[in-house]
Amino acid sequence: MGEAATGTVRSADGTSIAYERSGTGPPVILVDAAGGFREMGPMRSLATHLADEFTVLTYDRRGRGQSTDTLPYAPQREVEDLRALIDDAAGGSAALYGFSSGAVLALLAVAGGLPVTRLAVLEPPFAQDKQSPDTPDLSADIARLVAAGRRGDAMQHFQRSIGVPAELVDGMRDGPGWPAMEAVAHTLVYDLTLLTALPAEALTTLTIPTLVLTSEQSDGRLRGWAQGVAEALPAGRHRTLPGEWHGVSDEVLAPVLADHFAGLAD
């Protein structure tokens, strides 16, 4: 894979969305989870494993990395960000892969009528009972901590509240990437807002081929949510992969995504 080309697109509300594009072939856009952006998270590495077969776009969701932000936040603005990427950087249509809350955003984008050819999602935290899979006060807690300048505490509280094992949280806070995670702590409220933006009944209208993935080492709550999404989708297919808690290695994940996006696994 050659060096990735970088650029920006302008979303409908004027927000500048930074992206990078690598590889050749049908376009695929990778949608990050809470706290993730190009410099922090799994997508840039995953892109290198897909770029031999696809044109892969990774991007900084609004308020993260080199993308700007426009208040007030609304989930529809993030759908518009993806529309701008598809229209101006991907050639008019693209497949989507979303991870965790990024998976919910990808589902919301399809429900919003974006020209998405195929969809793959890894462990979307989407509850079928229309209740948020997180405690109702978590968004308020995060907002208060950020407003008080306690971004690290906000990130730690979020990670613990969503079930990240304590040893992983402690490892993150002691790691070199923690300042970058603190910098995007305010966007955690965005992801929590996303989780309730898609009505459960909307899943039954999403007819594009969709692969819903889980890791065999994730807890029953994460696996159950994903299974429920797969069962609700008319063209949904569920598959469990070898992995760790809420994560699958690139070496395992990339070939599965490649087969799905190429239509080889239907």
C-alpha atoms as a PDB file:
ATOM      1  CA  MET A   1       0.000   0.000   0.000  1.00  0.00           C
ATOM      2  CA  GLY A   2       1.327   3.440  -0.882  1.00  0.00           C
ATOM      3  CA  GLU A   3       1.177   6.484   1.335  1.00  0.00           C
ATOM      4  CA  ALA A   4      -2.361   7.545   2.187  1.00  0.00           C
ATOM      5  CA  ALA A   5      -3.685  10.709   0.557  1.00  0.00           C
ATOM      6  CA  THR A   6      -5.227  13.174   2.978  1.00  0.00           C
ATOM      7  CA  GLY A   7      -7.967  15.715   2.471  1.00  0.00           C
ATOM      8  CA  THR A   8     -11.044  17.355   3.931  1.00  0.00           C
ATOM      9  CA  VAL A   9     -14.697  17.563   2.985  1.00  0.00           C
ATOM     10  CA  ARG A  10     -17.206  20.132   4.162  1.00  0.00           C
ATOM     11  CA  SER A  11     -20.342  18.847   5.835  1.00  0.00           C
ATOM     12  CA  ALA A  12     -23.764  20.444   5.422  1.00  0.00           C
ATOM     13  CA  ASP A  13     -23.357  22.636   8.517  1.00  0.00           C
ATOM     14  CA  GLY A  14     -19.877  23.811   7.487  1.00  0.00           C
ATOM     15  CA  THR A  15     -17.898  21.389   9.657  1.00  0.00           C
ATOM     16  CA  SER A  16     -14.592  20.341   8.095  1.00  0.00           C
ATOM     17  CA  ILE A  17     -14.122  16.560   8.168  1.00  0.00           C
ATOM     18  CA  ALA A  18     -10.531  15.336   7.761  1.00  0.00           C
ATOM     19  CA  TYR A  19      -9.926  11.996   6.080  1.00  0.00           C
ATOM     20  CA  GLU A  20      -7.281   9.847   4.458  1.00  0.00           C
ATOM     21  CA  ARG A  21      -7.675   7.524   1.503  1.00  0.00           C
ATOM     22  CA  SER A  22      -5.534   4.528   0.574  1.00  0.00           C
ATOM     23  CA  GLY A  23      -5.654   1.568  -1.761  1.00  0.00           C
ATOM     24  CA  THR A  24      -7.575   0.886  -4.941  1.00  0.00           C
ATOM     25  CA  GLY A  25     -10.888  -0.792  -5.645  1.00  0.00           C
ATOM     26  CA  PRO A  26     -14.470  -0.348  -4.441  1.00  0.00           C
ATOM     27  CA  PRO A  27     -14.712   2.323  -1.712  1.00  0.00           C
ATOM     28  CA  VAL A  28     -15.073   1.391   1.953  1.00  0.00           C
ATOM     29  CA  ILE A  29     -15.425   3.914   4.800  1.00  0.00           C
ATOM     30  CA  LEU A  30     -14.380   2.922   8.335  1.00  0.00           C
ATOM     31  CA  VAL A  31     -16.404   4.510  11.161  1.00  0.00           C
ATOM     32  CA  ASP A  32     -14.694   4.805  14.551  1.00  0.00           C
ATOM     33  CA  ALA A  33     -16.079   4.049  17.982  1.00  0.00           C
ATOM     34  CA  ALA A  34     -16.293   6.419  20.950  1.00  0.00           C
ATOM     35  CA  GLY A  35     -12.980   8.144  21.541  1.00  0.00           C
ATOM     36  CA  GLY A  36     -11.451   6.867  18.307  1.00  0.00           C
ATOM     37  CA  PHE A  37      -9.970   8.867  15.451  1.00  0.00           C
ATOM     38  CA  ARG A  38      -7.233   8.343  12.894  1.00  0.00           C
ATOM     39  CA  GLU A  39      -4.379   8.768  15.369  1.00  0.00           C
ATOM     40  CA  MET A  40      -6.062   6.742  18.112  1.00  0.00           C
ATOM     41  CA  GLY A  41      -7.905   3.491  17.538  1.00  0.00           C
ATOM     42  CA  PRO A  42      -7.973   0.498  15.210  1.00  0.00           C
ATOM     43  CA  MET A  43      -9.097   1.966  11.889  1.00  0.00           C
ATOM     44  CA  ARG A  44      -5.831   3.168  10.361  1.00  0.00           C
ATOM     45  CA  SER A  45      -4.235  -0.227  10.941  1.00  0.00           C
ATOM     46  CA  LEU A  46      -7.301  -2.044   9.614  1.00  0.00           C
ATOM     47  CA  ALA A  47      -7.165   0.117   6.490  1.00  0.00           C
ATOM     48  CA  THR A  48      -3.704  -1.204   5.662  1.00  0.00           C
ATOM     49  CA  HIS A  49      -5.112  -4.742   5.654  1.00  0.00           C
ATOM     50  CA  LEU A  50      -7.948  -3.825   3.281  1.00  0.00           C
ATOM     51  CA  ALA A  51      -6.163  -1.479   0.899  1.00  0.00           C
ATOM     52  CA  ASP A  52      -4.968  -4.205  -1.486  1.00  0.00           C
ATOM     53  CA  GLU A  53      -8.576  -4.831  -2.513  1.00  0.00           C
ATOM     54  CA  PHE A  54     -10.450  -1.623  -1.677  1.00  0.00           C
ATOM     55  CA  THR A  55     -10.164   2.129  -1.648  1.00  0.00           C
ATOM     56  CA  VAL A  56     -10.326   2.668   2.100  1.00  0.00           C
ATOM     57  CA  LEU A  57     -11.272   5.942   3.780  1.00  0.00           C
ATOM     58  CA  THR A  58     -10.624   6.592   7.447  1.00  0.00           C
ATOM     59  CA  TYR A  59     -11.715   9.876   8.965  1.00  0.00           C
ATOM     60  CA  ASP A  60     -11.860  11.911  12.148  1.00  0.00           C
ATOM     61  CA  ARG A  61     -15.425  12.146  13.346  1.00  0.00           C
ATOM     62  CA  ARG A  62     -16.477  15.709  14.202  1.00  0.00           C
ATOM     63  CA  GLY A  63     -14.818  17.161  17.279  1.00  0.00           C
ATOM     64  CA  ARG A  64     -11.877  14.747  17.016  1.00  0.00           C
ATOM     65  CA  GLY A  65      -8.404  14.889  15.557  1.00  0.00           C
ATOM     66  CA  GLN A  66      -8.167  17.324  12.645  1.00  0.00           C
ATOM     67  CA  SER A  67     -11.913  17.649  12.079  1.00  0.00           C
ATOM     68  CA  THR A  68     -13.707  20.718  13.368  1.00  0.00           C
ATOM     69  CA  ASP A  69     -16.981  20.836  15.282  1.00  0.00           C
ATOM     70  CA  THR A  70     -20.199  22.813  15.132  1.00  0.00           C
ATOM     71  CA  LEU A  71     -22.592  23.103  18.051  1.00  0.00           C
ATOM     72  CA  PRO A  72     -25.178  22.087  18.995  1.00  0.00           C
ATOM     73  CA  TYR A  73     -24.499  18.424  18.344  1.00  0.00           C
ATOM     74  CA  ALA A  74     -27.109  16.224  16.681  1.00  0.00           C
ATOM     75  CA  PRO A  75     -26.731  12.669  15.357  1.00  0.00           C
ATOM     76  CA  GLN A  76     -28.052  13.787  11.964  1.00  0.00           C
ATOM     77  CA  ARG A  77     -24.989  16.023  11.600  1.00  0.00           C
ATOM     78  CA  GLU A  78     -22.778  12.929  11.735  1.00  0.00           C
ATOM     79  CA  VAL A  79     -24.888  11.294   9.041  1.00  0.00           C
ATOM     80  CA  GLU A  80     -24.343  14.434   6.961  1.00  0.00           C
ATOM     81  CA  ASP A  81     -20.588  14.088   7.562  1.00  0.00           C
ATOM     82  CA  LEU A  82     -20.716  10.607   6.062  1.00  0.00           C
ATOM     83  CA  ARG A  83     -22.791  11.863   3.160  1.00  0.00           C
ATOM     84  CA  ALA A  84     -20.116  14.464   2.404  1.00  0.00           C
ATOM     85  CA  LEU A  85     -17.415  11.795   2.513  1.00  0.00           C
ATOM     86  CA  ILE A  86     -19.384   9.520   0.194  1.00  0.00           C
ATOM     87  CA  ASP A  87     -20.230  12.300  -2.244  1.00  0.00           C
ATOM     88  CA  ASP A  88     -16.920  14.156  -2.313  1.00  0.00           C
ATOM     89  CA  ALA A  89     -14.256  11.592  -1.403  1.00  0.00           C
ATOM     90  CA  ALA A  90     -15.650   8.144  -2.258  1.00  0.00           C
ATOM     91  CA  GLY A  91     -17.193   8.756  -5.674  1.00  0.00           C
ATOM     92  CA  GLY A  92     -20.884   8.685  -4.805  1.00  0.00           C
ATOM     93  CA  SER A  93     -21.358   5.376  -2.979  1.00  0.00           C
ATOM     94  CA  ALA A  94     -19.438   3.235  -0.498  1.00  0.00           C
ATOM     95  CA  ALA A  95     -19.566   0.259   1.811  1.00  0.00           C
ATOM     96  CA  LEU A  96     -19.422   1.043   5.538  1.00  0.00           C
ATOM     97  CA  TYR A  97     -17.769  -0.718   8.446  1.00  0.00           C
ATOM     98  CA  GLY A  98     -18.618   0.597  11.907  1.00  0.00           C
ATOM     99  CA  PHE A  99     -17.300  -0.427  15.301  1.00  0.00           C
ATOM    100  CA  SER A 100     -19.286  -0.103  18.554  1.00  0.00           C
ATOM    101  CA  SER A 101     -21.047   3.294  18.633  1.00  0.00           C
ATOM    102  CA  GLY A 102     -19.608   3.837  15.157  1.00  0.00           C
ATOM    103  CA  ALA A 103     -21.639   0.788  14.148  1.00  0.00           C
ATOM    104  CA  VAL A 104     -24.795   2.506  15.377  1.00  0.00           C
ATOM    105  CA  LEU A 105     -23.819   5.580  13.356  1.00  0.00           C
ATOM    106  CA  ALA A 106     -23.370   3.389  10.275  1.00  0.00           C
ATOM    107  CA  LEU A 107     -26.823   1.877  10.790  1.00  0.00           C
ATOM    108  CA  LEU A 108     -28.256   5.382  11.217  1.00  0.00           C
ATOM    109  CA  ALA A 109     -26.592   6.456   7.975  1.00  0.00           C
ATOM    110  CA  VAL A 110     -28.196   3.597   6.062  1.00  0.00           C
ATOM    111  CA  ALA A 111     -31.565   4.403   7.634  1.00  0.00           C
ATOM    112  CA  GLY A 112     -31.036   7.981   6.478  1.00  0.00           C
ATOM    113  CA  GLY A 113     -30.878   6.882   2.870  1.00  0.00           C
ATOM    114  CA  LEU A 114     -27.173   7.293   2.203  1.00  0.00           C
ATOM    115  CA  PRO A 115     -25.905   5.389  -0.877  1.00  0.00           C
ATOM    116  CA  VAL A 116     -24.324   2.515   1.046  1.00  0.00           C
ATOM    117  CA  THR A 117     -23.634  -0.651  -0.936  1.00  0.00           C
ATOM    118  CA  ARG A 118     -22.875  -3.044   1.906  1.00  0.00           C
ATOM    119  CA  LEU A 119     -22.632  -2.743   5.664  1.00  0.00           C
ATOM    120  CA  ALA A 120     -20.585  -4.519   8.333  1.00  0.00           C
ATOM    121  CA  VAL A 121     -20.745  -3.731  12.047  1.00  0.00           C
ATOM    122  CA  LEU A 122     -18.818  -5.029  15.048  1.00  0.00           C
ATOM    123  CA  GLU A 123     -20.768  -5.189  18.310  1.00  0.00           C
ATOM    124  CA  PRO A 124     -23.182  -2.267  17.991  1.00  0.00           C
ATOM    125  CA  PRO A 125     -24.395  -1.348  21.511  1.00  0.00           C
ATOM    126  CA  PHE A 126     -27.992  -1.135  20.334  1.00  0.00           C
ATOM    127  CA  ALA A 127     -30.689  -2.397  22.687  1.00  0.00           C
ATOM    128  CA  GLN A 128     -33.851  -3.769  21.098  1.00  0.00           C
ATOM    129  CA  ASP A 129     -36.041  -2.616  23.999  1.00  0.00           C
ATOM    130  CA  LYS A 130     -35.524   1.041  22.950  1.00  0.00           C
ATOM    131  CA  GLN A 131     -33.760   1.759  26.228  1.00  0.00           C
ATOM    132  CA  SER A 132     -30.237   3.106  26.156  1.00  0.00           C
ATOM    133  CA  PRO A 133     -27.747   0.322  26.895  1.00  0.00           C
ATOM    134  CA  ASP A 134     -26.026   2.742  29.275  1.00  0.00           C
ATOM    135  CA  THR A 135     -27.259   4.377  32.436  1.00  0.00           C
ATOM    136  CA  PRO A 136     -29.432   7.451  31.756  1.00  0.00           C
ATOM    137  CA  ASP A 137     -27.207   9.725  33.844  1.00  0.00           C
ATOM    138  CA  LEU A 138     -23.955   8.825  32.097  1.00  0.00           C
ATOM    139  CA  SER A 139     -24.177  11.630  29.521  1.00  0.00           C
ATOM    140  CA  ALA A 140     -24.816  14.177  32.250  1.00  0.00           C
ATOM    141  CA  ASP A 141     -21.972  12.793  34.332  1.00  0.00           C
ATOM    142  CA  ILE A 142     -19.554  13.037  31.398  1.00  0.00           C
ATOM    143  CA  ALA A 143     -20.671  16.572  30.569  1.00  0.00           C
ATOM    144  CA  ARG A 144     -20.194  17.710  34.189  1.00  0.00           C
ATOM    145  CA  LEU A 145     -16.709  16.226  34.421  1.00  0.00           C
ATOM    146  CA  VAL A 146     -15.633  17.785  31.121  1.00  0.00           C
ATOM    147  CA  ALA A 147     -17.049  21.175  32.144  1.00  0.00           C
ATOM    148  CA  ALA A 148     -15.042  20.935  35.363  1.00  0.00           C
ATOM    149  CA  GLY A 149     -11.843  20.319  33.417  1.00  0.00           C
ATOM    150  CA  ARG A 150     -11.651  16.679  34.516  1.00  0.00           C
ATOM    151  CA  ARG A 151     -11.354  15.157  31.065  1.00  0.00           C
ATOM    152  CA  GLY A 152      -9.326  12.176  32.225  1.00  0.00           C
ATOM    153  CA  ASP A 153     -11.888  11.352  34.882  1.00  0.00           C
ATOM    154  CA  ALA A 154     -14.648  11.719  32.276  1.00  0.00           C
ATOM    155  CA  MET A 155     -12.946   9.236  29.960  1.00  0.00           C
ATOM    156  CA  GLN A 156     -12.263   6.815  32.806  1.00  0.00           C
ATOM    157  CA  HIS A 157     -15.856   7.038  34.053  1.00  0.00           C
ATOM    158  CA  PHE A 158     -17.162   6.365  30.560  1.00  0.00           C
ATOM    159  CA  GLN A 159     -14.914   3.355  30.019  1.00  0.00           C
ATOM    160  CA  ARG A 160     -15.831   1.804  33.345  1.00  0.00           C
ATOM    161  CA  SER A 161     -19.540   2.492  32.864  1.00  0.00           C
ATOM    162  CA  ILE A 162     -19.704   0.728  29.506  1.00  0.00           C
ATOM    163  CA  GLY A 163     -18.022  -2.367  30.921  1.00  0.00           C
ATOM    164  CA  VAL A 164     -14.386  -2.036  29.892  1.00  0.00           C
ATOM    165  CA  PRO A 165     -12.458  -4.370  32.234  1.00  0.00           C
ATOM    166  CA  ALA A 166     -10.697  -2.473  35.028  1.00  0.00           C
ATOM    167  CA  GLU A 167      -7.241  -3.678  34.031  1.00  0.00           C
ATOM    168  CA  LEU A 168      -7.747  -2.304  30.515  1.00  0.00           C
ATOM    169  CA  VAL A 169      -8.927   1.068  31.816  1.00  0.00           C
ATOM    170  CA  ASP A 170      -5.936   1.329  34.146  1.00  0.00           C
ATOM    171  CA  GLY A 171      -3.612   0.395  31.302  1.00  0.00           C
ATOM    172  CA  MET A 172      -5.079   3.111  29.095  1.00  0.00           C
ATOM    173  CA  ARG A 173      -4.706   5.821  31.723  1.00  0.00           C
ATOM    174  CA  ASP A 174      -1.063   4.901  32.289  1.00  0.00           C
ATOM    175  CA  GLY A 175      -0.312   4.688  28.565  1.00  0.00           C
ATOM    176  CA  PRO A 176       1.177   7.281  26.222  1.00  0.00           C
ATOM    177  CA  GLY A 177      -2.087   7.699  24.317  1.00  0.00           C
ATOM    178  CA  TRP A 178      -4.074   8.942  27.305  1.00  0.00           C
ATOM    179  CA  PRO A 179      -3.654  12.704  26.595  1.00  0.00           C
ATOM    180  CA  ALA A 180      -5.100  12.156  23.115  1.00  0.00           C
ATOM    181  CA  MET A 181      -8.060  10.331  24.643  1.00  0.00           C
ATOM    182  CA  GLU A 182      -8.613  13.149  27.126  1.00  0.00           C
ATOM    183  CA  ALA A 183      -8.717  15.618  24.239  1.00  0.00           C
ATOM    184  CA  VAL A 184     -11.821  13.989  22.777  1.00  0.00           C
ATOM    185  CA  ALA A 185     -13.617  13.344  26.078  1.00  0.00           C
ATOM    186  CA  HIS A 186     -16.322  15.892  25.215  1.00  0.00           C
ATOM    187  CA  THR A 187     -17.358  13.775  22.209  1.00  0.00           C
ATOM    188  CA  LEU A 188     -18.319  10.859  24.449  1.00  0.00           C
ATOM    189  CA  VAL A 189     -21.636  12.632  24.983  1.00  0.00           C
ATOM    190  CA  TYR A 190     -22.092  12.571  21.193  1.00  0.00           C
ATOM    191  CA  ASP A 191     -21.719   8.795  21.111  1.00  0.00           C
ATOM    192  CA  LEU A 192     -24.128   8.314  23.997  1.00  0.00           C
ATOM    193  CA  THR A 193     -26.653  10.496  22.146  1.00  0.00           C
ATOM    194  CA  LEU A 194     -26.233   8.345  19.034  1.00  0.00           C
ATOM    195  CA  LEU A 195     -27.258   5.202  20.878  1.00  0.00           C
ATOM    196  CA  THR A 196     -30.869   6.357  21.175  1.00  0.00           C
ATOM    197  CA  ALA A 197     -31.158   8.109  17.793  1.00  0.00           C
ATOM    198  CA  LEU A 198     -32.226   5.080  15.756  1.00  0.00           C
ATOM    199  CA  PRO A 199     -35.684   3.615  16.467  1.00  0.00           C
ATOM    200  CA  ALA A 200     -35.530  -0.148  16.896  1.00  0.00           C
ATOM    201  CA  GLU A 201     -38.240  -0.652  14.278  1.00  0.00           C
ATOM    202  CA  ALA A 202     -36.075   1.116  11.695  1.00  0.00           C
ATOM    203  CA  LEU A 203     -33.816  -1.935  11.551  1.00  0.00           C
ATOM    204  CA  THR A 204     -36.542  -3.863   9.753  1.00  0.00           C
ATOM    205  CA  THR A 205     -36.355  -1.389   6.849  1.00  0.00           C
ATOM    206  CA  LEU A 206     -32.596  -1.710   6.226  1.00  0.00           C
ATOM    207  CA  THR A 207     -32.429  -4.161   3.346  1.00  0.00           C
ATOM    208  CA  ILE A 208     -28.792  -3.954   2.238  1.00  0.00           C
ATOM    209  CA  PRO A 209     -26.547  -6.975   2.947  1.00  0.00           C
ATOM    210  CA  THR A 210     -25.264  -6.510   6.496  1.00  0.00           C
ATOM    211  CA  LEU A 211     -22.729  -8.559   8.430  1.00  0.00           C
ATOM    212  CA  VAL A 212     -23.009  -8.254  12.215  1.00  0.00           C
ATOM    213  CA  LEU A 213     -19.904  -9.431  14.043  1.00  0.00           C
ATOM    214  CA  THR A 214     -19.092 -10.315  17.626  1.00  0.00           C
ATOM    215  CA  SER A 215     -15.946 -11.402  19.441  1.00  0.00           C
ATOM    216  CA  GLU A 216     -16.039 -14.709  21.245  1.00  0.00           C
ATOM    217  CA  GLN A 217     -14.422 -13.088  24.307  1.00  0.00           C
ATOM    218  CA  SER A 218     -16.957 -10.276  24.675  1.00  0.00           C
ATOM    219  CA  ASP A 219     -19.538 -10.392  27.445  1.00  0.00           C
ATOM    220  CA  GLY A 220     -23.055 -11.647  26.977  1.00  0.00           C
ATOM    221  CA  ARG A 221     -24.532  -8.145  26.876  1.00  0.00           C
ATOM    222  CA  LEU A 222     -22.444  -7.072  23.872  1.00  0.00           C
ATOM    223  CA  ARG A 223     -23.037 -10.359  22.064  1.00  0.00           C
ATOM    224  CA  GLY A 224     -26.750 -10.224  22.780  1.00  0.00           C
ATOM    225  CA  TRP A 225     -27.160  -6.731  21.392  1.00  0.00           C
ATOM    226  CA  ALA A 226     -25.350  -7.703  18.210  1.00  0.00           C
ATOM    227  CA  GLN A 227     -27.400 -10.865  17.789  1.00  0.00           C
ATOM    228  CA  GLY A 228     -30.587  -8.845  18.195  1.00  0.00           C
ATOM    229  CA  VAL A 229     -29.507  -6.397  15.493  1.00  0.00           C
ATOM    230  CA  ALA A 230     -28.680  -9.233  13.102  1.00  0.00           C
ATOM    231  CA  GLU A 231     -32.053 -10.881  13.680  1.00  0.00           C
ATOM    232  CA  ALA A 232     -33.944  -7.624  13.090  1.00  0.00           C
ATOM    233  CA  LEU A 233     -32.232  -6.818   9.792  1.00  0.00           C
ATOM    234  CA  PRO A 234     -33.924  -8.312   6.706  1.00  0.00           C
ATOM    235  CA  ALA A 235     -30.543  -9.072   5.113  1.00  0.00           C
ATOM    236  CA  GLY A 236     -28.575  -9.413   8.331  1.00  0.00           C
ATOM    237  CA  ARG A 237     -26.102 -12.191   8.995  1.00  0.00           C
ATOM    238  CA  HIS A 238     -24.381 -12.820  12.329  1.00  0.00           C
ATOM    239  CA  ARG A 239     -20.933 -14.264  12.832  1.00  0.00           C
ATOM    240  CA  THR A 240     -18.730 -14.691  15.910  1.00  0.00           C
ATOM    241  CA  LEU A 241     -14.978 -14.361  15.445  1.00  0.00           C
ATOM    242  CA  PRO A 242     -11.982 -15.224  17.617  1.00  0.00           C
ATOM    243  CA  GLY A 243     -11.010 -12.107  19.538  1.00  0.00           C
ATOM    244  CA  GLU A 244     -10.671 -10.304  22.837  1.00  0.00           C
ATOM    245  CA  TRP A 245     -13.209  -8.321  24.853  1.00  0.00           C
ATOM    246  CA  HIS A 246     -14.973  -5.967  22.395  1.00  0.00           C
ATOM    247  CA  GLY A 247     -12.309  -6.360  19.746  1.00  0.00           C
ATOM    248  CA  VAL A 248     -11.030  -8.562  16.919  1.00  0.00           C
ATOM    249  CA  SER A 249      -7.517  -8.440  15.466  1.00  0.00           C
ATOM    250  CA  ASP A 250      -6.952  -7.030  11.994  1.00  0.00           C
ATOM    251  CA  GLU A 251      -5.593 -10.368  10.819  1.00  0.00           C
ATOM    252  CA  VAL A 252      -8.891 -12.076  11.674  1.00  0.00           C
ATOM    253  CA  LEU A 253     -11.270  -9.222  10.874  1.00  0.00           C
ATOM    254  CA  ALA A 254      -9.925  -7.941   7.553  1.00  0.00           C
ATOM    255  CA  PRO A 255     -10.427 -11.137   5.491  1.00  0.00           C
ATOM    256  CA  VAL A 256     -13.992 -11.475   6.787  1.00  0.00           C
ATOM    257  CA  LEU A 257     -14.785  -7.873   5.873  1.00  0.00           C
ATOM    258  CA  ALA A 258     -13.124  -8.267   2.474  1.00  0.00           C
ATOM    259  CA  ASP A 259     -15.235 -11.318   1.614  1.00  0.00           C
ATOM    260  CA  HIS A 260     -18.420  -9.560   2.718  1.00  0.00           C
ATOM    261  CA  PHE A 261     -17.721  -6.361   0.817  1.00  0.00           C
ATOM    262  CA  ALA A 262     -16.821  -8.360  -2.269  1.00  0.00           C
ATOM    263  CA  GLY A 263     -20.028 -10.405  -1.970  1.00  0.00           C
ATOM    264  CA  LEU A 264     -18.088 -13.644  -1.555  1.00  0.00           C
ATOM    265  CA  ALA A 265     -19.661 -14.725   1.702  1.00  0.00           C
ATOM    266  CA  ASP A 266     -23.359 -14.440   0.819  1.00  0.00           C
END
